[in-house]
């Protein structure tokens, strides 16, 4: 997956990614608490950068965010 991301970023190909909106985040910590990879998801949301080499795009953070601050996006 890490190699795939590097290739995707190098060629600027579209891909399924996580997108966040820090303005919507209520800091409930649900995204971080439910992440099976134990990533600092809330911190990633606040920075507005959801890409992490260890993220497996399982969607647990998307499902756990009741406010819709984290969504899937198809982009470069």
C-alpha atoms as a PDB file:
ATOM      1  CA  UNK A   1       0.000   0.000   0.000  1.00  0.00           C
ATOM      2  CA  UNK A   2       2.820   2.392   0.825  1.00  0.00           C
ATOM      3  CA  UNK A   3       4.471   1.772  -2.532  1.00  0.00           C
ATOM      4  CA  UNK A   4       1.126   2.212  -4.266  1.00  0.00           C
ATOM      5  CA  UNK A   5       0.639   5.611  -2.612  1.00  0.00           C
ATOM      6  CA  UNK A   6       4.111   6.736  -3.630  1.00  0.00           C
ATOM      7  CA  UNK A   7       3.431   5.756  -7.249  1.00  0.00           C
ATOM      8  CA  UNK A   8       0.010   7.439  -7.165  1.00  0.00           C
ATOM      9  CA  UNK A   9       1.472  10.643  -5.748  1.00  0.00           C
ATOM     10  CA  UNK A  10       4.343  10.623  -8.245  1.00  0.00           C
ATOM     11  CA  UNK A  11       1.998  10.349 -11.247  1.00  0.00           C
ATOM     12  CA  UNK A  12      -0.819  12.456  -9.678  1.00  0.00           C
ATOM     13  CA  UNK A  13      -3.397   9.732 -10.299  1.00  0.00           C
ATOM     14  CA  UNK A  14      -6.887   9.985  -8.843  1.00  0.00           C
ATOM     15  CA  UNK A  15      -7.632   7.636  -5.972  1.00  0.00           C
ATOM     16  CA  UNK A  16     -10.017   7.036  -3.112  1.00  0.00           C
ATOM     17  CA  UNK A  17      -8.886   9.110  -0.134  1.00  0.00           C
ATOM     18  CA  UNK A  18     -10.151  10.416   3.154  1.00  0.00           C
ATOM     19  CA  UNK A  19     -11.143  14.062   3.334  1.00  0.00           C
ATOM     20  CA  UNK A  20     -11.692  16.081   6.498  1.00  0.00           C
ATOM     21  CA  UNK A  21     -13.289  19.365   7.469  1.00  0.00           C
ATOM     22  CA  UNK A  22     -11.769  20.699  10.717  1.00  0.00           C
ATOM     23  CA  UNK A  23     -14.557  23.283  10.984  1.00  0.00           C
ATOM     24  CA  UNK A  24     -17.176  20.546  11.443  1.00  0.00           C
ATOM     25  CA  UNK A  25     -15.156  18.485  13.958  1.00  0.00           C
ATOM     26  CA  UNK A  26     -16.675  18.523  17.472  1.00  0.00           C
ATOM     27  CA  UNK A  27     -13.575  16.897  19.058  1.00  0.00           C
ATOM     28  CA  UNK A  28     -15.538  13.917  20.348  1.00  0.00           C
ATOM     29  CA  UNK A  29     -12.497  11.605  19.802  1.00  0.00           C
ATOM     30  CA  UNK A  30     -14.688   8.855  18.282  1.00  0.00           C
ATOM     31  CA  UNK A  31     -12.559   8.666  15.134  1.00  0.00           C
ATOM     32  CA  UNK A  32      -9.321   8.134  17.033  1.00  0.00           C
ATOM     33  CA  UNK A  33     -10.867   5.723  19.550  1.00  0.00           C
ATOM     34  CA  UNK A  34     -12.255   3.430  16.837  1.00  0.00           C
ATOM     35  CA  UNK A  35      -9.249   3.416  14.480  1.00  0.00           C
ATOM     36  CA  UNK A  36      -7.969  -0.191  14.218  1.00  0.00           C
ATOM     37  CA  UNK A  37      -4.522   1.119  13.237  1.00  0.00           C
ATOM     38  CA  UNK A  38      -4.332   3.307  16.370  1.00  0.00           C
ATOM     39  CA  UNK A  39      -3.706   6.450  14.305  1.00  0.00           C
ATOM     40  CA  UNK A  40      -4.175   9.996  15.677  1.00  0.00           C
ATOM     41  CA  UNK A  41      -7.175  10.576  13.407  1.00  0.00           C
ATOM     42  CA  UNK A  42      -8.521  13.618  15.261  1.00  0.00           C
ATOM     43  CA  UNK A  43      -5.100  15.273  14.992  1.00  0.00           C
ATOM     44  CA  UNK A  44      -5.077  14.502  11.271  1.00  0.00           C
ATOM     45  CA  UNK A  45      -8.535  16.062  10.918  1.00  0.00           C
ATOM     46  CA  UNK A  46      -7.443  19.224  12.714  1.00  0.00           C
ATOM     47  CA  UNK A  47      -4.415  19.534  10.418  1.00  0.00           C
ATOM     48  CA  UNK A  48      -6.628  18.967   7.372  1.00  0.00           C
ATOM     49  CA  UNK A  49      -4.264  16.255   6.112  1.00  0.00           C
ATOM     50  CA  UNK A  50      -5.765  12.778   6.247  1.00  0.00           C
ATOM     51  CA  UNK A  51      -3.020  10.853   4.455  1.00  0.00           C
ATOM     52  CA  UNK A  52      -1.032   8.496   6.638  1.00  0.00           C
ATOM     53  CA  UNK A  53       1.147   5.660   5.357  1.00  0.00           C
ATOM     54  CA  UNK A  54      -0.363   3.266   7.908  1.00  0.00           C
ATOM     55  CA  UNK A  55      -4.003   4.081   7.118  1.00  0.00           C
ATOM     56  CA  UNK A  56      -5.776   1.130   5.471  1.00  0.00           C
ATOM     57  CA  UNK A  57      -8.844   3.177   4.405  1.00  0.00           C
ATOM     58  CA  UNK A  58     -11.139   0.885   6.377  1.00  0.00           C
ATOM     59  CA  UNK A  59     -13.655   3.691   6.921  1.00  0.00           C
ATOM     60  CA  UNK A  60     -14.082   3.180  10.649  1.00  0.00           C
ATOM     61  CA  UNK A  61     -13.361   6.864  11.229  1.00  0.00           C
ATOM     62  CA  UNK A  62     -15.883   7.836   8.538  1.00  0.00           C
ATOM     63  CA  UNK A  63     -18.573   5.645  10.116  1.00  0.00           C
ATOM     64  CA  UNK A  64     -17.703   6.806  13.633  1.00  0.00           C
ATOM     65  CA  UNK A  65     -17.884  10.522  12.856  1.00  0.00           C
ATOM     66  CA  UNK A  66     -21.513  11.431  13.487  1.00  0.00           C
ATOM     67  CA  UNK A  67     -20.905  15.063  12.458  1.00  0.00           C
ATOM     68  CA  UNK A  68     -19.575  14.225   8.985  1.00  0.00           C
ATOM     69  CA  UNK A  69     -16.158  15.821   9.476  1.00  0.00           C
ATOM     70  CA  UNK A  70     -14.513  12.833   7.756  1.00  0.00           C
ATOM     71  CA  UNK A  71     -15.668  11.576   4.373  1.00  0.00           C
ATOM     72  CA  UNK A  72     -14.370   9.599   1.423  1.00  0.00           C
ATOM     73  CA  UNK A  73     -13.288  11.538  -1.656  1.00  0.00           C
ATOM     74  CA  UNK A  74     -12.136  10.570  -5.119  1.00  0.00           C
ATOM     75  CA  UNK A  75      -9.324  12.991  -5.949  1.00  0.00           C
ATOM     76  CA  UNK A  76      -5.632  13.503  -6.677  1.00  0.00           C
END
